[in-house]
Amino acid sequence: MTADPTGNHEVVRTRGGAPAVRSLAYGEIMHPGVGPLIEAEQLYVQQSRLAERLRAAPGETLVLFDVGLGAGSNAVAARAVSEAAPAGAARLEVVSFERDLGALELALEHGADFGLDGEAGQAARALINDGRHETPRTLWRLARGDALESLAQERALADLVFWDPFSPRVNGPLWTVAAFAAVRRLAGPRCLLLTYSASTAVRAAMLLAGWAVGIGDGIGDKAQTTAAAVDAAQLSRPLEQAWLRRLQRPDTPWPADAPADALARARSAPQFGGGALVP
């Protein structure tokens, strides 16, 4: 194992043998199951249909919010798709939200293990040094600091959101109704949000923040993840009434900032046939 110069992160092996970065401060491994390269590709890039969306919007710019840059795996995987897209496809603007660049610094030392060899590594180094890197196909820029504060200052509208911060156990503020409402306010009309969590509390927080919420693809030992969208028609497997009934149980885990009328609000969500849901 090797650690970054700050001593806040180390490279470890996942259960499947893939290299990954572990936060010593929080005790959590980034992409702990199948490893960062496979998870970034399957859970985020493929499930978002990024290549298809770029080809379908010639002359436009597609904006991706990468919330929880970490070791850079999700952003690098998305950037690779953009760089390989046809010349007439939409450009990609990746906005990476992160307050601690130690994990990315450490991943750069291990290059190919994290998809950061060659030109991708040069782009990541420029992101660290200059806060941005740009090619004719892709703009990658850094929103450094607290993610919620950065979202409050952001002016771009997101077409895709990869929500990949540390778990609610150690990074609770980024899994609240307020957090998902903050990004919902910056979501374009066809925005899709993907995350590794499938917890009832996280899904309820999204629903209360005004997102349509559905089941995301499983990966590794996770049978499900979560997908959310501005328009429920964007979801291949929206949550149904059977899931809604779970919220009536007395032991339901609600988000920490759920309002007193959370159950009534959830029931009124448009995807369940109710009226407009106010964040």
Protein backbone atom coordinates (compact mmCIF):
# COMPACT_ATOMS: atom_id res chain seq x y z
CA MET A 1 0.00 0.00 0.00
CA THR A 2 1.13 3.55 -0.71
CA ALA A 3 -0.17 6.82 0.72
CA ASP A 4 -0.48 10.32 -0.69
CA PRO A 5 1.89 13.03 0.61
CA THR A 6 -0.74 14.37 3.02
CA GLY A 7 -1.21 10.95 4.57
CA ASN A 8 -4.99 11.14 4.07
CA HIS A 9 -5.33 8.37 1.46
CA GLU A 10 -3.76 5.05 0.54
CA VAL A 11 -3.98 2.61 -2.36
CA VAL A 12 -5.51 -0.74 -1.40
CA ARG A 13 -7.00 -3.74 -3.19
CA THR A 14 -10.74 -4.35 -3.28
CA ARG A 15 -12.25 -7.74 -2.47
CA GLY A 16 -12.03 -8.54 -6.18
CA GLY A 17 -8.36 -7.56 -6.36
CA ALA A 18 -8.76 -4.22 -8.15
CA PRO A 19 -6.71 -1.22 -7.00
CA ALA A 20 -8.71 1.47 -5.22
CA VAL A 21 -8.13 4.50 -3.02
CA ARG A 22 -9.07 4.40 0.66
CA SER A 23 -9.67 7.49 2.76
CA LEU A 24 -7.84 7.17 6.06
CA ALA A 25 -9.88 9.99 7.55
CA TYR A 26 -13.23 8.31 6.83
CA GLY A 27 -12.20 4.67 6.61
CA GLU A 28 -14.02 4.20 3.29
CA ILE A 29 -12.79 2.78 0.00
CA MET A 30 -13.77 4.53 -3.21
CA HIS A 31 -15.53 2.03 -5.51
CA PRO A 32 -15.04 -0.84 -3.03
CA GLY A 33 -16.65 -3.67 -4.99
CA VAL A 34 -15.57 -4.18 -8.60
CA GLY A 35 -13.02 -1.38 -8.48
CA PRO A 36 -12.99 2.18 -9.87
CA LEU A 37 -12.49 1.48 -13.58
CA ILE A 38 -15.31 -1.05 -13.94
CA GLU A 39 -17.72 0.81 -11.68
CA ALA A 40 -17.14 4.11 -13.44
CA GLU A 41 -17.75 2.50 -16.82
CA GLN A 42 -20.75 0.32 -15.97
CA LEU A 43 -22.60 2.21 -13.26
CA TYR A 44 -22.11 5.75 -14.52
CA VAL A 45 -20.98 5.96 -18.16
CA GLN A 46 -22.91 3.06 -19.70
CA GLN A 47 -26.04 3.53 -17.62
CA SER A 48 -26.16 7.24 -18.51
CA ARG A 49 -25.95 6.37 -22.23
CA LEU A 50 -23.35 9.12 -22.47
CA ALA A 51 -22.02 8.16 -25.90
CA GLU A 52 -25.55 8.05 -27.30
CA ARG A 53 -26.46 11.40 -25.78
CA LEU A 54 -23.37 13.05 -27.21
CA ARG A 55 -24.12 11.74 -30.70
CA ALA A 56 -27.75 12.83 -30.45
CA ALA A 57 -26.97 16.51 -29.78
CA PRO A 58 -24.60 17.78 -32.51
CA GLY A 59 -23.38 21.31 -32.01
CA GLU A 60 -24.49 21.45 -28.37
CA THR A 61 -22.65 21.13 -25.06
CA LEU A 62 -23.65 18.39 -22.63
CA VAL A 63 -22.94 19.28 -18.99
CA LEU A 64 -22.00 16.58 -16.47
CA PHE A 65 -21.82 17.28 -12.73
CA ASP A 66 -19.27 14.88 -11.20
CA VAL A 67 -20.10 15.19 -7.50
CA GLY A 68 -17.31 13.53 -5.55
CA LEU A 69 -14.29 13.60 -7.86
CA GLY A 70 -12.25 11.37 -5.56
CA ALA A 71 -9.55 9.59 -7.56
CA GLY A 72 -11.08 10.85 -10.81
CA SER A 73 -12.43 7.56 -12.13
CA ASN A 74 -15.92 8.71 -13.12
CA ALA A 75 -14.77 11.94 -14.72
CA VAL A 76 -11.94 10.23 -16.60
CA ALA A 77 -14.27 7.53 -17.92
CA ALA A 78 -16.77 10.14 -19.12
CA ARG A 79 -14.02 12.24 -20.63
CA ALA A 80 -12.72 9.22 -22.59
CA VAL A 81 -16.14 8.74 -24.18
CA SER A 82 -16.23 12.39 -25.19
CA GLU A 83 -12.74 12.33 -26.66
CA ALA A 84 -13.65 9.27 -28.74
CA ALA A 85 -16.95 10.71 -29.99
CA PRO A 86 -17.38 11.74 -33.65
CA ALA A 87 -16.35 15.27 -34.58
CA GLY A 88 -19.96 16.36 -35.00
CA ALA A 89 -21.13 15.12 -31.60
CA ALA A 90 -21.89 17.41 -28.70
CA ARG A 91 -19.02 18.67 -26.60
CA LEU A 92 -18.83 17.53 -22.99
CA GLU A 93 -18.32 19.86 -20.04
CA VAL A 94 -17.41 17.97 -16.87
CA VAL A 95 -17.70 19.90 -13.62
CA SER A 96 -15.97 17.99 -10.83
CA PHE A 97 -16.93 18.92 -7.27
CA GLU A 98 -14.27 18.08 -4.67
CA ARG A 99 -12.70 19.60 -1.57
CA ASP A 100 -9.73 17.22 -1.14
CA LEU A 101 -7.50 16.47 -4.14
CA GLY A 102 -5.28 14.02 -2.25
CA ALA A 103 -7.00 10.97 -3.74
CA LEU A 104 -6.50 12.25 -7.28
CA GLU A 105 -2.86 13.08 -6.55
CA LEU A 106 -2.30 9.56 -5.29
CA ALA A 107 -4.11 7.96 -8.23
CA LEU A 108 -1.88 9.92 -10.61
CA GLU A 109 1.16 8.27 -9.04
CA HIS A 110 -0.32 4.90 -10.06
CA GLY A 111 -1.25 6.02 -13.56
CA ALA A 112 -2.65 3.09 -15.53
CA ASP A 113 -4.20 1.43 -12.47
CA PHE A 114 -6.69 4.31 -12.37
CA GLY A 115 -6.96 5.14 -16.06
CA LEU A 116 -4.67 8.11 -15.56
CA ASP A 117 -1.82 7.26 -17.89
CA GLY A 118 -1.00 9.27 -21.00
CA GLU A 119 -3.21 12.17 -22.02
CA ALA A 120 -5.81 11.47 -19.31
CA GLY A 121 -3.09 11.85 -16.68
CA GLN A 122 -1.99 15.13 -18.23
CA ALA A 123 -5.57 16.38 -18.11
CA ALA A 124 -5.88 15.41 -14.43
CA ARG A 125 -2.61 17.14 -13.59
CA ALA A 126 -3.83 20.31 -15.32
CA LEU A 127 -7.08 20.10 -13.35
CA ILE A 128 -5.10 20.03 -10.10
CA ASN A 129 -2.70 22.80 -11.11
CA ASP A 130 -4.97 25.11 -13.10
CA GLY A 131 -8.50 24.09 -12.16
CA ARG A 132 -9.36 23.16 -15.75
CA HIS A 133 -8.28 21.31 -18.88
CA GLU A 134 -9.77 21.77 -22.33
CA THR A 135 -9.60 20.05 -25.72
CA PRO A 136 -11.75 20.60 -28.84
CA ARG A 137 -14.08 17.87 -27.53
CA THR A 138 -14.06 18.25 -23.74
CA LEU A 139 -13.86 20.88 -21.02
CA TRP A 140 -13.02 19.53 -17.57
CA ARG A 141 -13.18 22.06 -14.74
CA LEU A 142 -12.87 21.86 -10.98
CA ALA A 143 -15.32 23.28 -8.45
CA ARG A 144 -13.10 23.02 -5.40
CA GLY A 145 -14.46 23.24 -1.88
CA ASP A 146 -17.67 22.23 -0.16
CA ALA A 147 -19.97 20.74 -2.81
CA LEU A 148 -23.13 22.41 -1.51
CA GLU A 149 -21.43 25.80 -1.45
CA SER A 150 -20.11 25.21 -4.97
CA LEU A 151 -23.55 24.16 -6.23
CA ALA A 152 -25.00 27.39 -4.81
CA GLN A 153 -22.54 29.35 -6.97
CA GLU A 154 -22.80 27.21 -10.11
CA ARG A 155 -24.49 28.71 -13.16
CA ALA A 156 -24.43 25.81 -15.62
CA LEU A 157 -27.43 23.49 -15.93
CA ALA A 158 -26.67 19.79 -15.67
CA ASP A 159 -27.72 17.20 -18.24
CA LEU A 160 -26.16 14.37 -16.23
CA VAL A 161 -25.17 14.03 -12.58
CA PHE A 162 -22.83 11.35 -11.24
CA TRP A 163 -23.51 11.48 -7.48
CA ASP A 164 -20.58 9.67 -5.88
CA PRO A 165 -19.54 11.22 -2.55
CA PHE A 166 -18.68 9.17 0.52
CA SER A 167 -21.58 7.34 2.14
CA PRO A 168 -24.26 8.96 4.33
CA ARG A 169 -22.48 7.50 7.35
CA VAL A 170 -19.54 9.88 6.96
CA ASN A 171 -20.84 12.55 4.58
CA GLY A 172 -24.42 12.99 5.72
CA PRO A 173 -25.00 16.54 4.37
CA LEU A 174 -24.66 15.35 0.76
CA TRP A 175 -27.48 12.81 1.14
CA THR A 176 -30.21 15.10 2.45
CA VAL A 177 -33.32 16.61 0.93
CA ALA A 178 -31.48 19.95 0.87
CA ALA A 179 -28.55 18.50 -1.10
CA PHE A 180 -30.73 16.87 -3.75
CA ALA A 181 -32.87 20.02 -3.94
CA ALA A 182 -29.70 22.06 -4.57
CA VAL A 183 -28.74 19.97 -7.56
CA ARG A 184 -32.38 19.71 -8.73
CA ARG A 185 -32.43 23.50 -9.11
CA LEU A 186 -29.54 23.18 -11.57
CA ALA A 187 -30.98 20.24 -13.51
CA GLY A 188 -31.91 20.65 -17.15
CA PRO A 189 -35.24 19.26 -18.42
CA ARG A 190 -33.73 15.90 -19.45
CA CYS A 191 -31.28 15.59 -16.56
CA LEU A 192 -30.49 12.11 -15.24
CA LEU A 193 -28.80 11.54 -11.86
CA LEU A 194 -27.07 8.26 -11.02
CA THR A 195 -25.68 7.06 -7.69
CA TYR A 196 -24.41 3.85 -6.12
CA SER A 197 -26.77 4.06 -3.14
CA ALA A 198 -30.09 2.21 -3.09
CA SER A 199 -31.12 3.09 0.47
CA THR A 200 -34.70 4.01 1.24
CA ALA A 201 -33.60 7.23 2.99
CA VAL A 202 -31.60 8.38 -0.03
CA ARG A 203 -34.42 7.63 -2.44
CA ALA A 204 -36.89 9.42 -0.17
CA ALA A 205 -34.59 12.45 -0.03
CA MET A 206 -34.49 12.59 -3.83
CA LEU A 207 -38.25 12.24 -4.07
CA LEU A 208 -38.84 15.02 -1.54
CA ALA A 209 -36.39 17.23 -3.45
CA GLY A 210 -38.50 17.01 -6.60
CA TRP A 211 -36.81 14.19 -8.52
CA ALA A 212 -38.58 11.26 -10.13
CA VAL A 213 -36.80 8.24 -8.66
CA GLY A 214 -36.14 4.79 -10.04
CA ILE A 215 -34.10 1.63 -9.72
CA GLY A 216 -30.60 1.75 -11.17
CA ASP A 217 -28.53 -1.11 -12.54
CA GLY A 218 -26.90 -3.50 -10.12
CA ILE A 219 -23.15 -3.87 -10.04
CA GLY A 220 -20.85 -6.25 -8.18
CA ASP A 221 -22.63 -7.40 -5.03
CA LYS A 222 -25.16 -4.56 -5.27
CA ALA A 223 -28.48 -5.84 -6.64
CA GLN A 224 -29.66 -2.27 -7.23
CA THR A 225 -28.41 1.28 -7.42
CA THR A 226 -30.53 4.41 -7.93
CA ALA A 227 -31.41 6.56 -10.93
CA ALA A 228 -33.33 9.84 -10.68
CA ALA A 229 -34.58 12.21 -13.35
CA VAL A 230 -36.42 15.46 -13.85
CA ASP A 231 -38.82 13.63 -16.17
CA ALA A 232 -39.98 10.18 -15.03
CA ALA A 233 -40.10 9.12 -18.69
CA GLN A 234 -36.29 9.09 -18.58
CA LEU A 235 -36.34 6.22 -16.06
CA SER A 236 -36.44 2.63 -17.26
CA ARG A 237 -37.62 1.34 -13.85
CA PRO A 238 -39.37 4.07 -11.83
CA LEU A 239 -40.25 3.26 -8.25
CA GLU A 240 -43.83 2.03 -7.96
CA GLN A 241 -46.58 1.92 -5.35
CA ALA A 242 -45.07 -1.16 -3.70
CA TRP A 243 -41.98 0.89 -2.79
CA LEU A 244 -44.13 3.81 -1.64
CA ARG A 245 -45.89 1.52 0.84
CA ARG A 246 -42.56 0.92 2.58
CA LEU A 247 -42.59 4.52 3.73
CA GLN A 248 -45.65 3.86 5.87
CA ARG A 249 -43.75 1.49 8.14
CA PRO A 250 -42.84 2.88 11.58
CA ASP A 251 -39.20 1.87 11.14
CA THR A 252 -38.77 3.68 7.81
CA PRO A 253 -35.35 5.42 7.63
CA TRP A 254 -36.10 8.98 6.51
CA PRO A 255 -33.44 11.55 5.58
CA ALA A 256 -32.28 13.70 8.48
CA ASP A 257 -34.02 16.83 7.17
CA ALA A 258 -37.29 15.22 6.10
CA PRO A 259 -40.23 17.57 6.83
CA ALA A 260 -43.00 16.59 9.22
CA ASP A 261 -45.34 15.90 6.29
CA ALA A 262 -42.77 13.83 4.38
CA LEU A 263 -45.06 10.86 3.83
CA ALA A 264 -47.84 13.02 2.42
CA ARG A 265 -45.38 14.76 0.13
CA ALA A 266 -43.98 11.46 -1.11
CA ARG A 267 -47.48 10.17 -1.84
CA SER A 268 -48.22 13.30 -3.87
CA ALA A 269 -45.20 12.84 -6.15
CA PRO A 270 -46.18 12.95 -9.84
CA GLN A 271 -44.70 9.50 -10.53
CA PHE A 272 -47.22 8.04 -8.08
CA GLY A 273 -50.12 9.85 -9.69
CA GLY A 274 -50.20 12.77 -7.26
CA GLY A 275 -49.89 16.48 -7.77
CA ALA A 276 -46.81 18.65 -7.99
CA LEU A 277 -44.15 17.99 -5.36
CA VAL A 278 -42.65 21.09 -3.78
CA PRO A 279 -39.00 20.66 -2.64
